[in-house]
Each structure stands twice: as C-alpha cells, then as structure tokens.
C-alpha cells in the first residue's frame, strides 16, 4: 500500500488539488452576492413618511433641494451629483442623541476622507436657531471637513419636506406647530442615482461599521 502511494503521489496530489479548486469554484459561484435594497416609501415605517407618498412603491428618488451650509454657500443637488452620500437630521443644541451621531459621522468622514465620490449632508431641524454662524461653530468644534460634509439650514418647510418626502427619516413633532420635526437616529445612505439604499442607527458603532461597508459596496458597484 505504501509503495502504491509513493508510486502514485503525483496523481493523488493532482486529484486532491483539482478537488479543492473545484469546491472553491462551486462555493464562489453559489455564494449569494451582496445586494442593497432600493427603498421606496411603502417599505418604510409610515411614521417617518409623509402621508401623501406612503403608497409609492417604485422609482422613489431624492428631490431637488437648495439650502445654505456652514460657510454661507448655497448647496443644491448639483453638489451631490454622481456622489454616494449619507444624509441625516440634527440640531446643534440637541443634548441627547446628536452628539453621538455627530461623533460617529466623523468616523465615516475619516473613513472616506480621500475618496471624493463620498460626501455627507446634515440638515438642521431647527433652522430658525441654527443659522450659518451657529453651524460654522458646530462644524469647527466637531472637526467637519468643509469639502466633504455640509451642515445646512434654510426654509423650515423645505427641510421638513425633504425629511419626510425624500429621505423618509423624520417624525412629525407637535401637531400645533406647523412643520415641527422630531429627528431620529437614522443615517440615510443615498446612491449616485439619488435612490435611498439603506438606513442605519447613527448611535451604534456596529451600524456605523455596516454603513462604511455598504458605502464601499456602492462605490464598487458603480465601478463594475
């Protein structure tokens, strides 16, 4: 038996190698490929979606917008054309979840600092309080890189409509106060076609890790 094995070592080795390569090939071929959903309003918690679009089941995209950033510059959808970006809603005087969300979004900024295809966009839900000077101070305090991350203020109705009709991420506030908003912990991932591709809890590091991985995936998806 030993002599037989010695005599046929080459052939046995070849068969083993062929078997391993074949198994790897079939595993790779059969392994499910990563995919991110494209979110439409009817797929999201109705509390976060304006009632006028809750029925929409296809072709939802982020609408055109125009706001003012921390440097007094007008920011529109053109600034995000061809970009993968993360949007969220906050206010500078928030003492609950906002500080943690901002800290975690700084981590995302750092992960893609040298990737011009990835940007961030934070909307104030109290634009009457968060003017340009206030946003600038907040940006400097938190290490916001102007070329990568816009903190924006503007017309409250316009921000409200973007939050609930485009990003599907903000709850209604006091019924007695028109366009009152209660922001959530959601970070919203948007692809280069202006489609919503994911929601992430901005207070959890595990979710930030998943967000970074999904941004990488969207970047490579566009390349391929």
C-alpha atoms as a PDB file:
ATOM      1  CA  UNK A   1       0.000   0.000   0.000  1.00  0.00           C
ATOM      2  CA  UNK A   2       2.821   2.390   0.910  1.00  0.00           C
ATOM      3  CA  UNK A   3       4.632   1.551  -2.319  1.00  0.00           C
ATOM      4  CA  UNK A   4       1.448   2.196  -4.267  1.00  0.00           C
ATOM      5  CA  UNK A   5       1.023   5.600  -2.642  1.00  0.00           C
ATOM      6  CA  UNK A   6       4.617   6.542  -3.330  1.00  0.00           C
ATOM      7  CA  UNK A   7       4.266   5.452  -6.944  1.00  0.00           C
ATOM      8  CA  UNK A   8       1.125   7.480  -7.474  1.00  0.00           C
ATOM      9  CA  UNK A   9       1.911  10.515  -5.315  1.00  0.00           C
ATOM     10  CA  UNK A  10       1.746  12.894  -8.252  1.00  0.00           C
ATOM     11  CA  UNK A  11      -1.644  11.650  -9.415  1.00  0.00           C
ATOM     12  CA  UNK A  12      -3.112  11.652  -5.895  1.00  0.00           C
ATOM     13  CA  UNK A  13      -1.828  15.169  -5.312  1.00  0.00           C
ATOM     14  CA  UNK A  14      -3.284  16.305  -8.610  1.00  0.00           C
ATOM     15  CA  UNK A  15      -6.698  14.842  -7.771  1.00  0.00           C
ATOM     16  CA  UNK A  16      -6.692  16.469  -4.329  1.00  0.00           C
ATOM     17  CA  UNK A  17      -5.724  19.842  -5.784  1.00  0.00           C
ATOM     18  CA  UNK A  18      -8.342  19.540  -8.519  1.00  0.00           C
ATOM     19  CA  UNK A  19     -10.988  18.672  -5.921  1.00  0.00           C
ATOM     20  CA  UNK A  20     -10.097  21.679  -3.752  1.00  0.00           C
ATOM     21  CA  UNK A  21     -10.150  24.057  -6.723  1.00  0.00           C
ATOM     22  CA  UNK A  22     -13.490  22.627  -7.851  1.00  0.00           C
ATOM     23  CA  UNK A  23     -15.012  23.054  -4.385  1.00  0.00           C
ATOM     24  CA  UNK A  24     -13.787  26.650  -4.195  1.00  0.00           C
ATOM     25  CA  UNK A  25     -15.208  27.355  -7.644  1.00  0.00           C
ATOM     26  CA  UNK A  26     -18.645  25.994  -6.786  1.00  0.00           C
ATOM     27  CA  UNK A  27     -18.658  27.773  -3.402  1.00  0.00           C
ATOM     28  CA  UNK A  28     -17.853  31.075  -5.082  1.00  0.00           C
ATOM     29  CA  UNK A  29     -20.402  30.517  -7.835  1.00  0.00           C
ATOM     30  CA  UNK A  30     -23.188  29.532  -5.460  1.00  0.00           C
ATOM     31  CA  UNK A  31     -22.435  32.066  -2.701  1.00  0.00           C
ATOM     32  CA  UNK A  32     -25.139  34.779  -2.671  1.00  0.00           C
ATOM     33  CA  UNK A  33     -23.843  38.088  -3.994  1.00  0.00           C
ATOM     34  CA  UNK A  34     -24.157  41.149  -1.773  1.00  0.00           C
ATOM     35  CA  UNK A  35     -27.033  43.422  -2.690  1.00  0.00           C
ATOM     36  CA  UNK A  36     -28.583  46.506  -1.117  1.00  0.00           C
ATOM     37  CA  UNK A  37     -32.306  47.180  -1.399  1.00  0.00           C
ATOM     38  CA  UNK A  38     -33.673  50.267  -3.118  1.00  0.00           C
ATOM     39  CA  UNK A  39     -36.124  51.806  -0.660  1.00  0.00           C
ATOM     40  CA  UNK A  40     -39.475  53.203  -1.679  1.00  0.00           C
ATOM     41  CA  UNK A  41     -41.905  54.966   0.723  1.00  0.00           C
ATOM     42  CA  UNK A  42     -44.172  51.932   1.100  1.00  0.00           C
ATOM     43  CA  UNK A  43     -41.225  49.961   2.537  1.00  0.00           C
ATOM     44  CA  UNK A  44     -40.540  52.382   5.393  1.00  0.00           C
ATOM     45  CA  UNK A  45     -42.162  52.976   8.797  1.00  0.00           C
ATOM     46  CA  UNK A  46     -45.217  55.165   7.980  1.00  0.00           C
ATOM     47  CA  UNK A  47     -44.378  57.409  10.947  1.00  0.00           C
ATOM     48  CA  UNK A  48     -41.338  58.636   9.008  1.00  0.00           C
ATOM     49  CA  UNK A  49     -43.076  59.207   5.676  1.00  0.00           C
ATOM     50  CA  UNK A  50     -45.404  61.974   4.570  1.00  0.00           C
ATOM     51  CA  UNK A  51     -48.920  60.621   4.137  1.00  0.00           C
ATOM     52  CA  UNK A  52     -49.098  61.889   0.552  1.00  0.00           C
ATOM     53  CA  UNK A  53     -46.429  59.424  -0.639  1.00  0.00           C
ATOM     54  CA  UNK A  54     -46.826  56.415   1.653  1.00  0.00           C
ATOM     55  CA  UNK A  55     -48.374  54.456  -1.224  1.00  0.00           C
ATOM     56  CA  UNK A  56     -45.413  54.949  -3.596  1.00  0.00           C
ATOM     57  CA  UNK A  57     -43.871  51.578  -4.400  1.00  0.00           C
ATOM     58  CA  UNK A  58     -41.304  52.319  -7.095  1.00  0.00           C
ATOM     59  CA  UNK A  59     -38.969  54.908  -8.629  1.00  0.00           C
ATOM     60  CA  UNK A  60     -38.553  56.980  -5.458  1.00  0.00           C
ATOM     61  CA  UNK A  61     -35.622  59.411  -5.626  1.00  0.00           C
ATOM     62  CA  UNK A  62     -34.313  62.369  -3.647  1.00  0.00           C
ATOM     63  CA  UNK A  63     -35.888  65.594  -4.905  1.00  0.00           C
ATOM     64  CA  UNK A  64     -34.023  68.756  -5.868  1.00  0.00           C
ATOM     65  CA  UNK A  65     -33.078  70.997  -2.964  1.00  0.00           C
ATOM     66  CA  UNK A  66     -31.393  74.278  -2.102  1.00  0.00           C
ATOM     67  CA  UNK A  67     -30.042  75.076   1.364  1.00  0.00           C
ATOM     68  CA  UNK A  68     -27.267  77.165   2.914  1.00  0.00           C
ATOM     69  CA  UNK A  69     -24.232  75.494   4.503  1.00  0.00           C
ATOM     70  CA  UNK A  70     -21.903  76.385   7.363  1.00  0.00           C
ATOM     71  CA  UNK A  71     -19.911  78.703   5.106  1.00  0.00           C
ATOM     72  CA  UNK A  72     -22.900  80.609   3.772  1.00  0.00           C
ATOM     73  CA  UNK A  73     -22.706  78.769   0.451  1.00  0.00           C
ATOM     74  CA  UNK A  74     -25.828  77.604  -1.385  1.00  0.00           C
ATOM     75  CA  UNK A  75     -25.831  73.801  -1.584  1.00  0.00           C
ATOM     76  CA  UNK A  76     -28.080  72.012  -4.093  1.00  0.00           C
ATOM     77  CA  UNK A  77     -28.459  68.530  -5.506  1.00  0.00           C
ATOM     78  CA  UNK A  78     -25.803  69.514  -8.071  1.00  0.00           C
ATOM     79  CA  UNK A  79     -23.153  69.427  -5.329  1.00  0.00           C
ATOM     80  CA  UNK A  80     -24.025  65.758  -4.787  1.00  0.00           C
ATOM     81  CA  UNK A  81     -24.342  64.748  -8.411  1.00  0.00           C
ATOM     82  CA  UNK A  82     -22.605  61.427  -9.034  1.00  0.00           C
ATOM     83  CA  UNK A  83     -21.869  61.020  -5.319  1.00  0.00           C
ATOM     84  CA  UNK A  84     -22.636  58.326  -2.785  1.00  0.00           C
ATOM     85  CA  UNK A  85     -23.669  60.216   0.330  1.00  0.00           C
ATOM     86  CA  UNK A  86     -25.029  59.928   3.845  1.00  0.00           C
ATOM     87  CA  UNK A  87     -27.809  62.272   4.961  1.00  0.00           C
ATOM     88  CA  UNK A  88     -29.113  62.902   8.450  1.00  0.00           C
ATOM     89  CA  UNK A  89     -31.125  65.380  10.514  1.00  0.00           C
ATOM     90  CA  UNK A  90     -29.955  67.055  13.715  1.00  0.00           C
ATOM     91  CA  UNK A  91     -29.856  70.335  15.627  1.00  0.00           C
ATOM     92  CA  UNK A  92     -26.886  71.978  17.300  1.00  0.00           C
ATOM     93  CA  UNK A  93     -28.496  72.357  20.726  1.00  0.00           C
ATOM     94  CA  UNK A  94     -29.522  68.693  20.919  1.00  0.00           C
ATOM     95  CA  UNK A  95     -28.086  67.078  24.043  1.00  0.00           C
ATOM     96  CA  UNK A  96     -29.434  63.557  23.617  1.00  0.00           C
ATOM     97  CA  UNK A  97     -28.513  61.503  20.547  1.00  0.00           C
ATOM     98  CA  UNK A  98     -26.990  64.231  18.355  1.00  0.00           C
ATOM     99  CA  UNK A  99     -23.520  64.324  19.959  1.00  0.00           C
ATOM    100  CA  UNK A 100     -23.102  60.567  19.498  1.00  0.00           C
ATOM    101  CA  UNK A 101     -24.452  60.735  15.948  1.00  0.00           C
ATOM    102  CA  UNK A 102     -22.043  63.529  15.074  1.00  0.00           C
ATOM    103  CA  UNK A 103     -19.106  61.654  16.600  1.00  0.00           C
ATOM    104  CA  UNK A 104     -19.993  58.583  14.564  1.00  0.00           C
ATOM    105  CA  UNK A 105     -20.461  60.564  11.373  1.00  0.00           C
ATOM    106  CA  UNK A 106     -16.968  61.959  11.928  1.00  0.00           C
ATOM    107  CA  UNK A 107     -15.790  58.319  11.809  1.00  0.00           C
ATOM    108  CA  UNK A 108     -17.495  57.916   8.437  1.00  0.00           C
ATOM    109  CA  UNK A 109     -15.886  61.152   7.250  1.00  0.00           C
ATOM    110  CA  UNK A 110     -12.465  59.842   8.283  1.00  0.00           C
ATOM    111  CA  UNK A 111     -13.035  56.509   6.514  1.00  0.00           C
ATOM    112  CA  UNK A 112     -13.671  58.265   3.187  1.00  0.00           C
ATOM    113  CA  UNK A 113     -11.610  61.419   3.597  1.00  0.00           C
ATOM    114  CA  UNK A 114      -9.579  60.650   0.483  1.00  0.00           C
ATOM    115  CA  UNK A 115     -12.490  59.382  -1.589  1.00  0.00           C
ATOM    116  CA  UNK A 116     -14.046  62.340  -3.464  1.00  0.00           C
ATOM    117  CA  UNK A 117     -17.003  60.202  -4.501  1.00  0.00           C
ATOM    118  CA  UNK A 118     -18.354  60.045  -0.916  1.00  0.00           C
ATOM    119  CA  UNK A 119     -19.945  63.005   0.882  1.00  0.00           C
ATOM    120  CA  UNK A 120     -22.082  63.794   3.931  1.00  0.00           C
ATOM    121  CA  UNK A 121     -25.115  66.056   4.337  1.00  0.00           C
ATOM    122  CA  UNK A 122     -26.632  67.080   7.688  1.00  0.00           C
ATOM    123  CA  UNK A 123     -29.858  69.098   7.857  1.00  0.00           C
ATOM    124  CA  UNK A 124     -30.860  71.181  10.867  1.00  0.00           C
ATOM    125  CA  UNK A 125     -34.420  70.559  12.044  1.00  0.00           C
ATOM    126  CA  UNK A 126     -34.328  73.900  13.893  1.00  0.00           C
ATOM    127  CA  UNK A 127     -33.187  76.200  11.075  1.00  0.00           C
ATOM    128  CA  UNK A 128     -34.581  79.238  12.883  1.00  0.00           C
ATOM    129  CA  UNK A 129     -31.947  78.639  15.590  1.00  0.00           C
ATOM    130  CA  UNK A 130     -29.157  77.091  13.519  1.00  0.00           C
ATOM    131  CA  UNK A 131     -28.037  79.973  11.333  1.00  0.00           C
ATOM    132  CA  UNK A 132     -24.792  79.984   9.340  1.00  0.00           C
ATOM    133  CA  UNK A 133     -22.643  81.224  12.226  1.00  0.00           C
ATOM    134  CA  UNK A 134     -24.054  78.595  14.586  1.00  0.00           C
ATOM    135  CA  UNK A 135     -23.463  75.818  12.067  1.00  0.00           C
ATOM    136  CA  UNK A 136     -19.918  77.052  11.440  1.00  0.00           C
ATOM    137  CA  UNK A 137     -19.084  76.972  15.140  1.00  0.00           C
ATOM    138  CA  UNK A 138     -20.572  73.474  15.424  1.00  0.00           C
ATOM    139  CA  UNK A 139     -18.608  72.320  12.366  1.00  0.00           C
ATOM    140  CA  UNK A 140     -15.314  73.636  13.744  1.00  0.00           C
ATOM    141  CA  UNK A 141     -15.976  72.114  17.152  1.00  0.00           C
ATOM    142  CA  UNK A 142     -16.581  68.681  15.661  1.00  0.00           C
ATOM    143  CA  UNK A 143     -13.874  68.565  13.011  1.00  0.00           C
ATOM    144  CA  UNK A 144     -16.130  68.817   9.974  1.00  0.00           C
ATOM    145  CA  UNK A 145     -14.184  68.943   6.696  1.00  0.00           C
ATOM    146  CA  UNK A 146     -15.947  71.528   4.534  1.00  0.00           C
ATOM    147  CA  UNK A 147     -15.195  69.825   1.229  1.00  0.00           C
ATOM    148  CA  UNK A 148     -16.625  66.539   2.487  1.00  0.00           C
ATOM    149  CA  UNK A 149     -19.515  67.460   4.759  1.00  0.00           C
ATOM    150  CA  UNK A 150     -22.207  70.145   4.524  1.00  0.00           C
ATOM    151  CA  UNK A 151     -24.283  71.206   7.534  1.00  0.00           C
ATOM    152  CA  UNK A 152     -27.284  73.013   6.106  1.00  0.00           C
ATOM    153  CA  UNK A 153     -30.018  75.372   7.193  1.00  0.00           C
ATOM    154  CA  UNK A 154     -32.843  77.012   5.283  1.00  0.00           C
ATOM    155  CA  UNK A 155     -36.596  77.238   4.958  1.00  0.00           C
ATOM    156  CA  UNK A 156     -38.206  75.012   7.596  1.00  0.00           C
ATOM    157  CA  UNK A 157     -40.974  73.795   5.273  1.00  0.00           C
ATOM    158  CA  UNK A 158     -38.397  72.804   2.636  1.00  0.00           C
ATOM    159  CA  UNK A 159     -36.325  70.870   5.190  1.00  0.00           C
ATOM    160  CA  UNK A 160     -39.476  69.208   6.531  1.00  0.00           C
ATOM    161  CA  UNK A 161     -40.471  68.092   3.045  1.00  0.00           C
ATOM    162  CA  UNK A 162     -37.000  66.747   2.295  1.00  0.00           C
ATOM    163  CA  UNK A 163     -37.020  64.843   5.574  1.00  0.00           C
ATOM    164  CA  UNK A 164     -40.403  63.207   5.078  1.00  0.00           C
ATOM    165  CA  UNK A 165     -40.854  63.139   1.291  1.00  0.00           C
ATOM    166  CA  UNK A 166     -37.312  62.373   0.147  1.00  0.00           C
ATOM    167  CA  UNK A 167     -35.197  60.830   2.926  1.00  0.00           C
ATOM    168  CA  UNK A 168     -38.117  59.179   4.773  1.00  0.00           C
ATOM    169  CA  UNK A 169     -36.391  59.706   8.097  1.00  0.00           C
ATOM    170  CA  UNK A 170     -38.153  62.203  10.375  1.00  0.00           C
ATOM    171  CA  UNK A 171     -41.241  62.033  12.593  1.00  0.00           C
ATOM    172  CA  UNK A 172     -43.891  64.714  12.968  1.00  0.00           C
ATOM    173  CA  UNK A 173     -43.484  66.936  16.024  1.00  0.00           C
ATOM    174  CA  UNK A 174     -46.194  68.946  17.770  1.00  0.00           C
ATOM    175  CA  UNK A 175     -49.404  68.954  15.749  1.00  0.00           C
ATOM    176  CA  UNK A 176     -49.968  72.533  16.885  1.00  0.00           C
ATOM    177  CA  UNK A 177     -46.688  73.742  15.352  1.00  0.00           C
ATOM    178  CA  UNK A 178     -46.527  73.780  11.568  1.00  0.00           C
ATOM    179  CA  UNK A 179     -43.631  71.769  10.119  1.00  0.00           C
ATOM    180  CA  UNK A 180     -42.369  70.743  13.543  1.00  0.00           C
ATOM    181  CA  UNK A 181     -39.931  67.835  13.234  1.00  0.00           C
ATOM    182  CA  UNK A 182     -38.586  65.168  15.569  1.00  0.00           C
ATOM    183  CA  UNK A 183     -35.387  63.853  14.061  1.00  0.00           C
ATOM    184  CA  UNK A 184     -34.452  60.212  14.519  1.00  0.00           C
ATOM    185  CA  UNK A 185     -31.131  58.412  14.880  1.00  0.00           C
ATOM    186  CA  UNK A 186     -31.261  57.406  11.219  1.00  0.00           C
ATOM    187  CA  UNK A 187     -28.396  57.897   8.809  1.00  0.00           C
ATOM    188  CA  UNK A 188     -29.704  57.561   5.254  1.00  0.00           C
ATOM    189  CA  UNK A 189     -27.475  56.138   2.521  1.00  0.00           C
ATOM    190  CA  UNK A 190     -28.096  57.560  -0.967  1.00  0.00           C
ATOM    191  CA  UNK A 191     -26.549  56.231  -4.180  1.00  0.00           C
ATOM    192  CA  UNK A 192     -25.346  58.063  -7.298  1.00  0.00           C
ATOM    193  CA  UNK A 193     -28.824  57.742  -8.826  1.00  0.00           C
ATOM    194  CA  UNK A 194     -30.353  59.587  -5.844  1.00  0.00           C
ATOM    195  CA  UNK A 195     -32.041  56.452  -4.516  1.00  0.00           C
ATOM    196  CA  UNK A 196     -32.287  55.529  -0.827  1.00  0.00           C
ATOM    197  CA  UNK A 197     -30.238  52.373  -0.279  1.00  0.00           C
ATOM    198  CA  UNK A 198     -30.096  51.990   3.498  1.00  0.00           C
ATOM    199  CA  UNK A 199     -30.989  53.209   6.978  1.00  0.00           C
ATOM    200  CA  UNK A 200     -28.557  52.966   9.911  1.00  0.00           C
ATOM    201  CA  UNK A 201     -28.760  53.723  13.614  1.00  0.00           C
ATOM    202  CA  UNK A 202     -26.287  56.577  13.943  1.00  0.00           C
ATOM    203  CA  UNK A 203     -25.780  55.926  17.666  1.00  0.00           C
ATOM    204  CA  UNK A 204     -24.423  52.366  17.289  1.00  0.00           C
ATOM    205  CA  UNK A 205     -20.854  51.528  16.267  1.00  0.00           C
ATOM    206  CA  UNK A 206     -21.957  48.208  14.771  1.00  0.00           C
ATOM    207  CA  UNK A 207     -24.282  50.139  12.460  1.00  0.00           C
ATOM    208  CA  UNK A 208     -21.507  52.563  11.520  1.00  0.00           C
ATOM    209  CA  UNK A 209     -19.338  49.605  10.539  1.00  0.00           C
ATOM    210  CA  UNK A 210     -22.176  48.286   8.374  1.00  0.00           C
ATOM    211  CA  UNK A 211     -22.671  51.737   6.849  1.00  0.00           C
ATOM    212  CA  UNK A 212     -18.994  52.030   5.902  1.00  0.00           C
ATOM    213  CA  UNK A 213     -19.086  48.573   4.323  1.00  0.00           C
ATOM    214  CA  UNK A 214     -22.207  49.473   2.344  1.00  0.00           C
ATOM    215  CA  UNK A 215     -20.683  52.740   1.122  1.00  0.00           C
ATOM    216  CA  UNK A 216     -17.677  50.761  -0.111  1.00  0.00           C
ATOM    217  CA  UNK A 217     -20.063  48.359  -1.836  1.00  0.00           C
ATOM    218  CA  UNK A 218     -21.953  51.152  -3.611  1.00  0.00           C
ATOM    219  CA  UNK A 219     -18.694  52.703  -4.772  1.00  0.00           C
ATOM    220  CA  UNK A 220     -17.508  49.386  -6.213  1.00  0.00           C
ATOM    221  CA  UNK A 221     -20.986  48.691  -7.651  1.00  0.00           C
ATOM    222  CA  UNK A 222     -20.760  51.834  -9.761  1.00  0.00           C
ATOM    223  CA  UNK A 223     -17.283  50.913 -10.970  1.00  0.00           C
ATOM    224  CA  UNK A 224     -18.442  47.463 -12.027  1.00  0.00           C
END
